[in-house]
N, C-alpha and C. Protein backbone atom coordinates (compact mmCIF):
# COMPACT_ATOMS: atom_id res chain seq x y z
N MET A 1 0.87 -1.15 0.01
CA MET A 1 -0.02 0.02 -0.03
C MET A 1 0.91 1.22 0.01
N VAL A 2 0.75 2.09 -0.99
CA VAL A 2 1.68 3.21 -1.17
C VAL A 2 0.94 4.53 -1.40
N CYS A 3 1.33 5.55 -0.70
CA CYS A 3 0.94 6.91 -0.94
C CYS A 3 2.12 7.80 -0.98
N LEU A 4 1.93 9.10 -0.86
CA LEU A 4 3.09 10.00 -0.99
C LEU A 4 3.95 10.01 0.26
N GLY A 5 3.39 10.27 1.41
CA GLY A 5 4.21 10.38 2.65
C GLY A 5 4.13 9.26 3.62
N ASN A 6 3.22 8.26 3.36
CA ASN A 6 3.03 7.13 4.21
C ASN A 6 2.67 7.49 5.66
N ILE A 7 1.81 8.51 5.78
CA ILE A 7 1.28 8.89 7.13
C ILE A 7 -0.22 8.95 7.16
N CYS A 8 -0.92 8.89 6.04
CA CYS A 8 -2.40 8.98 6.02
C CYS A 8 -3.06 7.79 5.36
N ARG A 9 -3.02 7.82 4.00
CA ARG A 9 -3.77 6.85 3.24
C ARG A 9 -3.18 5.46 3.33
N SER A 10 -1.91 5.25 3.01
CA SER A 10 -1.32 3.95 3.00
C SER A 10 -1.30 3.26 4.33
N PRO A 11 -0.98 3.98 5.46
CA PRO A 11 -1.07 3.34 6.80
C PRO A 11 -2.54 2.89 7.09
N THR A 12 -3.49 3.70 6.64
CA THR A 12 -4.85 3.29 6.85
C THR A 12 -5.18 2.02 6.14
N ALA A 13 -4.77 1.93 4.83
CA ALA A 13 -5.01 0.73 4.04
C ALA A 13 -4.26 -0.39 4.68
N HIS A 14 -3.08 -0.22 5.10
CA HIS A 14 -2.28 -1.23 5.80
C HIS A 14 -3.04 -1.77 7.01
N GLY A 15 -3.53 -0.82 7.87
CA GLY A 15 -4.24 -1.32 9.05
C GLY A 15 -5.53 -2.02 8.76
N VAL A 16 -6.26 -1.58 7.80
CA VAL A 16 -7.52 -2.21 7.38
C VAL A 16 -7.26 -3.62 6.83
N PHE A 17 -6.30 -3.72 5.89
CA PHE A 17 -5.99 -5.03 5.31
C PHE A 17 -5.41 -5.99 6.37
N GLN A 18 -4.62 -5.49 7.34
CA GLN A 18 -4.06 -6.32 8.33
C GLN A 18 -5.09 -6.92 9.24
N LYS A 19 -6.18 -6.12 9.47
CA LYS A 19 -7.31 -6.62 10.27
C LYS A 19 -8.03 -7.70 9.53
N HIS A 20 -8.23 -7.56 8.23
CA HIS A 20 -8.88 -8.58 7.44
C HIS A 20 -8.06 -9.85 7.43
N ILE A 21 -6.69 -9.70 7.34
CA ILE A 21 -5.81 -10.92 7.38
C ILE A 21 -5.98 -11.57 8.70
N ASP A 22 -5.92 -10.81 9.75
CA ASP A 22 -6.02 -11.39 11.11
C ASP A 22 -7.41 -12.04 11.32
N ASP A 23 -8.49 -11.37 10.91
CA ASP A 23 -9.84 -11.89 11.15
C ASP A 23 -10.11 -13.17 10.35
N ASN A 24 -9.35 -13.37 9.27
CA ASN A 24 -9.48 -14.54 8.46
C ASN A 24 -8.43 -15.56 8.70
N ASP A 25 -7.67 -15.36 9.87
CA ASP A 25 -6.56 -16.29 10.22
C ASP A 25 -5.62 -16.59 9.05
N LEU A 26 -5.24 -15.55 8.33
CA LEU A 26 -4.30 -15.71 7.24
C LEU A 26 -2.95 -15.09 7.45
N SER A 27 -2.62 -14.71 8.66
CA SER A 27 -1.30 -14.10 8.90
C SER A 27 -0.14 -15.07 8.66
N TYR A 28 -0.40 -16.35 8.61
CA TYR A 28 0.65 -17.34 8.29
C TYR A 28 1.04 -17.21 6.81
N ALA A 29 0.13 -16.69 5.98
CA ALA A 29 0.34 -16.73 4.57
C ALA A 29 0.43 -15.36 3.87
N LEU A 30 -0.14 -14.38 4.53
CA LEU A 30 -0.22 -13.00 3.89
C LEU A 30 0.49 -12.01 4.73
N GLU A 31 1.17 -11.06 4.10
CA GLU A 31 1.85 -9.99 4.79
C GLU A 31 1.49 -8.66 4.05
N VAL A 32 1.24 -7.67 4.88
CA VAL A 32 0.94 -6.33 4.30
C VAL A 32 1.85 -5.36 4.89
N ASP A 33 2.25 -4.37 4.16
CA ASP A 33 3.05 -3.28 4.65
C ASP A 33 2.69 -2.00 3.85
N SER A 34 3.13 -0.90 4.28
CA SER A 34 2.88 0.38 3.57
C SER A 34 4.20 1.15 3.45
N ALA A 35 4.14 2.03 2.44
CA ALA A 35 5.38 2.93 2.23
C ALA A 35 4.91 4.17 1.51
N GLY A 36 5.80 5.10 1.44
CA GLY A 36 5.56 6.33 0.72
C GLY A 36 6.52 6.43 -0.49
N THR A 37 6.15 7.20 -1.52
CA THR A 37 7.07 7.41 -2.56
C THR A 37 8.06 8.51 -2.22
N SER A 38 7.75 9.33 -1.20
CA SER A 38 8.66 10.41 -0.80
C SER A 38 9.33 10.09 0.50
N ARG A 39 10.27 10.91 0.85
CA ARG A 39 11.12 10.75 2.14
C ARG A 39 10.59 11.67 3.20
N TYR A 40 9.51 12.42 2.96
CA TYR A 40 9.10 13.50 3.83
C TYR A 40 8.95 13.11 5.31
N HIS A 41 8.42 11.92 5.61
CA HIS A 41 7.98 11.60 6.91
C HIS A 41 8.71 10.31 7.50
N ILE A 42 9.75 9.92 6.93
CA ILE A 42 10.40 8.65 7.38
C ILE A 42 10.59 8.55 8.85
N GLY A 43 10.12 7.45 9.45
CA GLY A 43 10.23 7.19 10.84
C GLY A 43 9.09 7.81 11.71
N GLU A 44 8.21 8.55 11.13
CA GLU A 44 7.09 9.14 11.87
C GLU A 44 5.90 8.17 11.90
N PRO A 45 5.15 8.27 13.02
CA PRO A 45 3.92 7.47 13.07
C PRO A 45 2.85 8.00 12.14
N PRO A 46 1.81 7.33 11.90
CA PRO A 46 0.72 7.86 11.10
C PRO A 46 0.13 9.17 11.66
N ASP A 47 -0.35 9.96 10.77
CA ASP A 47 -1.03 11.19 11.19
C ASP A 47 -2.08 10.88 12.28
N SER A 48 -2.11 11.67 13.33
CA SER A 48 -3.02 11.41 14.45
C SER A 48 -4.47 11.36 14.01
N ARG A 49 -4.86 12.12 12.94
CA ARG A 49 -6.21 12.09 12.51
C ARG A 49 -6.51 10.73 11.84
N SER A 50 -5.57 10.19 11.09
CA SER A 50 -5.75 8.87 10.51
C SER A 50 -5.89 7.81 11.62
N SER A 51 -4.99 7.90 12.59
CA SER A 51 -5.01 6.89 13.64
C SER A 51 -6.33 6.94 14.38
N SER A 52 -6.80 8.18 14.66
CA SER A 52 -8.06 8.33 15.45
C SER A 52 -9.27 7.78 14.67
N ALA A 53 -9.31 8.15 13.36
CA ALA A 53 -10.46 7.68 12.57
C ALA A 53 -10.40 6.15 12.46
N ALA A 54 -9.21 5.62 12.25
CA ALA A 54 -9.12 4.15 12.13
C ALA A 54 -9.45 3.44 13.44
N SER A 55 -9.01 3.99 14.54
CA SER A 55 -9.29 3.39 15.81
C SER A 55 -10.73 3.34 16.14
N GLN A 56 -11.49 4.35 15.73
CA GLN A 56 -12.95 4.40 15.94
C GLN A 56 -13.64 3.26 15.19
N ARG A 57 -12.97 2.71 14.17
CA ARG A 57 -13.58 1.57 13.46
C ARG A 57 -12.88 0.28 13.78
N GLY A 58 -12.02 0.29 14.79
CA GLY A 58 -11.42 -0.95 15.21
C GLY A 58 -10.07 -1.35 14.57
N TYR A 59 -9.43 -0.36 13.92
CA TYR A 59 -8.09 -0.63 13.28
C TYR A 59 -7.04 0.00 14.04
N ASP A 60 -5.91 -0.65 14.19
CA ASP A 60 -4.81 -0.17 14.98
C ASP A 60 -3.67 0.14 14.09
N LEU A 61 -3.25 1.39 14.06
CA LEU A 61 -2.14 1.87 13.29
C LEU A 61 -0.87 2.17 14.13
N SER A 62 -0.93 1.95 15.41
CA SER A 62 0.05 2.43 16.37
C SER A 62 1.47 1.90 16.09
N ALA A 63 1.60 0.71 15.59
CA ALA A 63 2.94 0.13 15.36
C ALA A 63 3.60 0.60 14.06
N GLN A 64 2.82 1.24 13.29
CA GLN A 64 3.40 1.63 11.94
C GLN A 64 4.32 2.90 12.02
N ARG A 65 5.35 2.95 11.17
CA ARG A 65 6.20 4.07 11.01
C ARG A 65 6.44 4.27 9.53
N ALA A 66 6.39 5.55 9.15
CA ALA A 66 6.53 5.84 7.70
C ALA A 66 7.95 5.40 7.20
N ARG A 67 7.91 4.91 5.98
CA ARG A 67 9.14 4.53 5.29
C ARG A 67 8.99 4.81 3.82
N GLN A 68 10.10 4.85 3.10
CA GLN A 68 9.98 5.05 1.67
C GLN A 68 10.00 3.71 0.93
N LEU A 69 9.26 3.64 -0.18
CA LEU A 69 9.30 2.46 -1.04
C LEU A 69 10.77 2.12 -1.39
N ALA A 70 11.14 0.86 -1.31
CA ALA A 70 12.42 0.42 -1.58
C ALA A 70 12.45 -0.60 -2.71
N ASP A 71 13.61 -0.74 -3.36
CA ASP A 71 13.68 -1.71 -4.51
C ASP A 71 13.32 -3.11 -4.05
N GLU A 72 13.65 -3.47 -2.82
CA GLU A 72 13.38 -4.87 -2.27
C GLU A 72 11.92 -5.13 -2.27
N ASP A 73 11.08 -4.07 -2.08
CA ASP A 73 9.61 -4.28 -2.06
C ASP A 73 9.05 -4.91 -3.31
N TYR A 74 9.69 -4.65 -4.45
CA TYR A 74 9.22 -5.18 -5.75
C TYR A 74 9.49 -6.71 -5.81
N GLN A 75 10.31 -7.22 -5.01
CA GLN A 75 10.55 -8.65 -4.95
C GLN A 75 9.84 -9.31 -3.76
N ARG A 76 9.75 -8.57 -2.68
CA ARG A 76 9.16 -9.09 -1.43
C ARG A 76 7.62 -9.27 -1.52
N PHE A 77 6.98 -8.40 -2.25
CA PHE A 77 5.48 -8.43 -2.26
C PHE A 77 4.98 -8.82 -3.60
N ASP A 78 3.78 -9.44 -3.61
CA ASP A 78 3.10 -9.81 -4.84
C ASP A 78 2.42 -8.58 -5.46
N TYR A 79 1.99 -7.66 -4.66
CA TYR A 79 1.22 -6.50 -5.19
C TYR A 79 1.81 -5.24 -4.49
N ILE A 80 1.99 -4.23 -5.28
CA ILE A 80 2.29 -2.88 -4.79
C ILE A 80 1.17 -2.01 -5.31
N LEU A 81 0.29 -1.56 -4.42
CA LEU A 81 -0.93 -0.82 -4.75
C LEU A 81 -0.84 0.59 -4.33
N ALA A 82 -1.07 1.49 -5.25
CA ALA A 82 -1.04 2.92 -4.99
C ALA A 82 -2.41 3.50 -4.64
N MET A 83 -2.38 4.57 -3.91
CA MET A 83 -3.61 5.26 -3.58
C MET A 83 -4.11 6.17 -4.67
N ASP A 84 -3.19 6.61 -5.55
CA ASP A 84 -3.57 7.50 -6.64
C ASP A 84 -2.72 7.34 -7.83
N SER A 85 -3.06 7.91 -8.97
CA SER A 85 -2.31 7.69 -10.19
C SER A 85 -0.98 8.37 -10.15
N ASP A 86 -0.79 9.50 -9.46
CA ASP A 86 0.55 10.10 -9.34
C ASP A 86 1.52 9.20 -8.68
N ASN A 87 1.11 8.55 -7.59
CA ASN A 87 2.04 7.62 -6.91
C ASN A 87 2.19 6.33 -7.71
N LEU A 88 1.19 5.93 -8.47
CA LEU A 88 1.33 4.72 -9.30
C LEU A 88 2.40 5.01 -10.35
N ARG A 89 2.36 6.20 -10.95
CA ARG A 89 3.40 6.49 -11.95
C ARG A 89 4.80 6.52 -11.35
N GLU A 90 4.93 7.00 -10.13
CA GLU A 90 6.23 6.96 -9.43
C GLU A 90 6.63 5.53 -9.15
N ILE A 91 5.70 4.70 -8.69
CA ILE A 91 6.02 3.30 -8.39
C ILE A 91 6.54 2.59 -9.65
N GLU A 92 5.87 2.84 -10.77
CA GLU A 92 6.28 2.21 -12.02
C GLU A 92 7.60 2.78 -12.58
N ALA A 93 7.79 4.05 -12.35
CA ALA A 93 9.09 4.70 -12.80
C ALA A 93 10.30 4.08 -11.99
N ARG A 94 10.05 3.77 -10.81
CA ARG A 94 11.13 3.17 -9.96
C ARG A 94 11.33 1.68 -10.08
N ARG A 95 10.43 1.06 -10.78
CA ARG A 95 10.38 -0.40 -10.83
C ARG A 95 11.72 -1.00 -11.35
N PRO A 96 12.37 -1.84 -10.55
CA PRO A 96 13.61 -2.48 -11.01
C PRO A 96 13.29 -3.46 -12.13
N SER A 97 14.21 -3.67 -12.96
CA SER A 97 14.01 -4.63 -14.14
C SER A 97 13.67 -6.03 -13.66
N GLU A 98 14.14 -6.51 -12.55
CA GLU A 98 13.89 -7.84 -12.08
C GLU A 98 12.64 -7.96 -11.14
N ALA A 99 11.85 -6.88 -11.12
CA ALA A 99 10.64 -6.84 -10.20
C ALA A 99 9.69 -7.96 -10.56
N ARG A 100 9.04 -8.44 -9.54
CA ARG A 100 7.95 -9.46 -9.76
C ARG A 100 6.65 -8.95 -9.29
N ALA A 101 6.57 -7.92 -8.48
CA ALA A 101 5.31 -7.43 -7.98
C ALA A 101 4.39 -6.89 -9.10
N GLU A 102 3.12 -7.11 -8.95
CA GLU A 102 2.15 -6.46 -9.77
C GLU A 102 1.85 -5.14 -9.20
N THR A 103 1.72 -4.12 -10.05
CA THR A 103 1.41 -2.75 -9.59
C THR A 103 0.07 -2.36 -10.07
N GLY A 104 -0.59 -1.45 -9.34
CA GLY A 104 -1.87 -0.97 -9.79
C GLY A 104 -2.43 0.01 -8.67
N LEU A 105 -3.67 0.34 -8.86
CA LEU A 105 -4.33 1.18 -7.87
C LEU A 105 -5.10 0.36 -6.94
N LEU A 106 -5.14 0.68 -5.65
CA LEU A 106 -5.89 -0.10 -4.67
C LEU A 106 -7.39 -0.19 -5.06
N LEU A 107 -7.85 0.99 -5.52
CA LEU A 107 -9.31 1.06 -5.80
C LEU A 107 -9.74 0.32 -7.06
N ASP A 108 -8.68 -0.21 -7.83
CA ASP A 108 -9.06 -1.17 -8.92
C ASP A 108 -9.81 -2.37 -8.39
N PHE A 109 -9.66 -2.66 -7.09
CA PHE A 109 -10.30 -3.79 -6.45
C PHE A 109 -11.62 -3.44 -5.80
N ALA A 110 -11.95 -2.14 -5.76
CA ALA A 110 -13.18 -1.70 -5.01
C ALA A 110 -14.42 -1.83 -5.89
N LYS A 111 -15.52 -1.95 -5.17
CA LYS A 111 -16.87 -1.90 -5.91
C LYS A 111 -17.21 -0.46 -6.27
N SER A 112 -16.65 0.49 -5.52
CA SER A 112 -16.88 1.88 -5.76
C SER A 112 -16.36 2.29 -7.10
N GLU A 113 -16.95 3.31 -7.69
CA GLU A 113 -16.57 3.81 -8.95
C GLU A 113 -15.40 4.77 -8.83
N GLU A 114 -15.03 5.15 -7.63
CA GLU A 114 -13.92 6.06 -7.43
C GLU A 114 -12.63 5.35 -7.92
N MET A 115 -11.71 6.07 -8.49
CA MET A 115 -10.48 5.53 -8.98
C MET A 115 -9.28 5.79 -8.08
N GLU A 116 -9.35 6.84 -7.25
CA GLU A 116 -8.24 7.21 -6.40
C GLU A 116 -8.73 7.52 -4.98
N VAL A 117 -7.89 7.22 -4.03
CA VAL A 117 -8.13 7.55 -2.68
C VAL A 117 -7.58 8.93 -2.42
N PRO A 118 -8.48 9.94 -2.16
CA PRO A 118 -8.05 11.27 -2.04
C PRO A 118 -7.14 11.54 -0.81
N ASP A 119 -6.18 12.41 -0.90
CA ASP A 119 -5.28 12.68 0.21
C ASP A 119 -6.03 13.61 1.20
N PRO A 120 -6.26 13.09 2.42
CA PRO A 120 -6.97 13.89 3.40
C PRO A 120 -6.13 14.87 4.24
N TYR A 121 -4.82 14.91 3.95
CA TYR A 121 -3.89 15.63 4.85
C TYR A 121 -4.32 17.07 5.06
N TYR A 122 -4.75 17.80 4.01
CA TYR A 122 -5.11 19.20 4.17
C TYR A 122 -6.60 19.35 4.28
N SER A 123 -7.37 18.28 4.40
CA SER A 123 -8.82 18.41 4.52
C SER A 123 -9.33 18.29 5.98
N GLY A 124 -10.56 18.49 6.14
CA GLY A 124 -11.14 18.35 7.48
C GLY A 124 -11.31 16.85 7.89
N GLY A 125 -11.89 16.61 9.02
CA GLY A 125 -12.00 15.26 9.54
C GLY A 125 -12.76 14.32 8.66
N ASP A 126 -13.75 14.83 7.90
CA ASP A 126 -14.47 13.90 7.06
C ASP A 126 -13.60 13.28 5.94
N GLY A 127 -12.49 13.91 5.55
CA GLY A 127 -11.59 13.34 4.58
C GLY A 127 -11.05 12.04 5.04
N PHE A 128 -10.85 11.93 6.30
CA PHE A 128 -10.28 10.66 6.82
C PHE A 128 -11.35 9.60 6.88
N GLU A 129 -12.60 9.95 7.01
CA GLU A 129 -13.73 8.98 6.96
C GLU A 129 -13.98 8.54 5.50
N ILE A 130 -13.81 9.43 4.53
CA ILE A 130 -13.88 9.06 3.16
C ILE A 130 -12.80 8.06 2.82
N VAL A 131 -11.57 8.33 3.25
CA VAL A 131 -10.47 7.40 3.02
C VAL A 131 -10.78 6.01 3.57
N LEU A 132 -11.32 5.93 4.83
CA LEU A 132 -11.67 4.65 5.38
C LEU A 132 -12.73 3.96 4.58
N ASN A 133 -13.81 4.70 4.15
CA ASN A 133 -14.83 4.07 3.43
C ASN A 133 -14.32 3.41 2.16
N LEU A 134 -13.49 4.15 1.39
CA LEU A 134 -12.91 3.64 0.18
C LEU A 134 -12.02 2.46 0.40
N VAL A 135 -11.14 2.63 1.40
CA VAL A 135 -10.14 1.61 1.68
C VAL A 135 -10.79 0.31 2.22
N GLU A 136 -11.85 0.42 3.04
CA GLU A 136 -12.48 -0.78 3.55
C GLU A 136 -13.12 -1.56 2.39
N ASP A 137 -13.74 -0.89 1.51
CA ASP A 137 -14.33 -1.55 0.33
C ASP A 137 -13.30 -2.22 -0.46
N ALA A 138 -12.22 -1.53 -0.78
CA ALA A 138 -11.12 -2.13 -1.63
C ALA A 138 -10.43 -3.24 -0.98
N CYS A 139 -10.17 -3.16 0.34
CA CYS A 139 -9.46 -4.24 1.02
C CYS A 139 -10.30 -5.49 1.09
N LEU A 140 -11.56 -5.39 1.32
CA LEU A 140 -12.40 -6.63 1.25
C LEU A 140 -12.36 -7.28 -0.11
N GLU A 141 -12.43 -6.49 -1.12
CA GLU A 141 -12.42 -7.06 -2.53
C GLU A 141 -11.03 -7.57 -2.85
N LEU A 142 -10.03 -6.92 -2.39
CA LEU A 142 -8.66 -7.38 -2.56
C LEU A 142 -8.42 -8.79 -1.94
N LEU A 143 -8.93 -8.92 -0.76
CA LEU A 143 -8.77 -10.23 -0.07
C LEU A 143 -9.54 -11.32 -0.89
N ALA A 144 -10.75 -10.98 -1.30
CA ALA A 144 -11.55 -11.94 -2.11
C ALA A 144 -10.77 -12.27 -3.38
N HIS A 145 -10.14 -11.29 -4.03
CA HIS A 145 -9.38 -11.54 -5.19
C HIS A 145 -8.22 -12.49 -4.96
N ILE A 146 -7.46 -12.23 -3.84
CA ILE A 146 -6.39 -13.10 -3.55
C ILE A 146 -6.82 -14.55 -3.25
N LYS A 147 -7.93 -14.67 -2.55
CA LYS A 147 -8.47 -15.98 -2.28
C LYS A 147 -8.87 -16.73 -3.59
N ASP A 148 -9.49 -15.95 -4.50
CA ASP A 148 -9.92 -16.52 -5.78
C ASP A 148 -8.76 -16.89 -6.69
N ARG A 149 -7.77 -16.09 -6.60
CA ARG A 149 -6.62 -16.22 -7.61
C ARG A 149 -5.68 -17.36 -7.13
N HIS A 150 -5.54 -17.56 -5.88
CA HIS A 150 -4.48 -18.49 -5.41
C HIS A 150 -5.16 -19.75 -4.89
N GLU A 151 -4.89 -20.90 -5.47
CA GLU A 151 -5.49 -22.14 -5.09
C GLU A 151 -5.45 -22.47 -3.63
N HIS A 152 -4.40 -22.07 -2.99
CA HIS A 152 -4.21 -22.37 -1.54
C HIS A 152 -5.39 -21.81 -0.74
N PHE A 153 -5.88 -20.67 -1.15
CA PHE A 153 -6.93 -20.01 -0.37
C PHE A 153 -8.37 -20.38 -0.83
N SER A 154 -8.43 -21.05 -1.98
CA SER A 154 -9.78 -21.31 -2.51
C SER A 154 -10.64 -22.18 -1.53
N SER A 155 -10.04 -23.04 -0.75
CA SER A 155 -10.77 -23.87 0.18
C SER A 155 -11.16 -23.16 1.44
N LEU A 156 -10.71 -21.83 1.60
CA LEU A 156 -11.00 -21.05 2.76
C LEU A 156 -12.28 -20.22 2.59
N ARG A 157 -12.82 -20.16 1.47
CA ARG A 157 -13.98 -19.26 1.24
C ARG A 157 -15.21 -19.79 1.83
């Protein structure tokens, strides 16, 4: 899960997807992480407004710290999903030649017609709720996609 600074959208998506992994007892097989395309906030915790909104819905972002997307991520993960098209372009521009990860937009998996998760950093509190609504939808569908696509998970549905 990737956004610009790794303090609002991608940590929220990380927290939501981690809860789905845990709730489905899939932590033995699935790993989620988040990163930013920029170095702005490396080492910082998620924005307090993101953490607060997520906590109200039962998601814990407290252990996360911002980091920048690394070349190793393209080998370590099956999917690198961006919150918006600007970050997707950056992800693809940095893609090492030996990369194996599929790249795309997180909301490609959502039922919503929205294409991008808007950056709530400069918005009011409802921006963080909008992010959660979009991310919750997409993460549910992403997990269903993974279960459908990989034989190992097909018996878990």
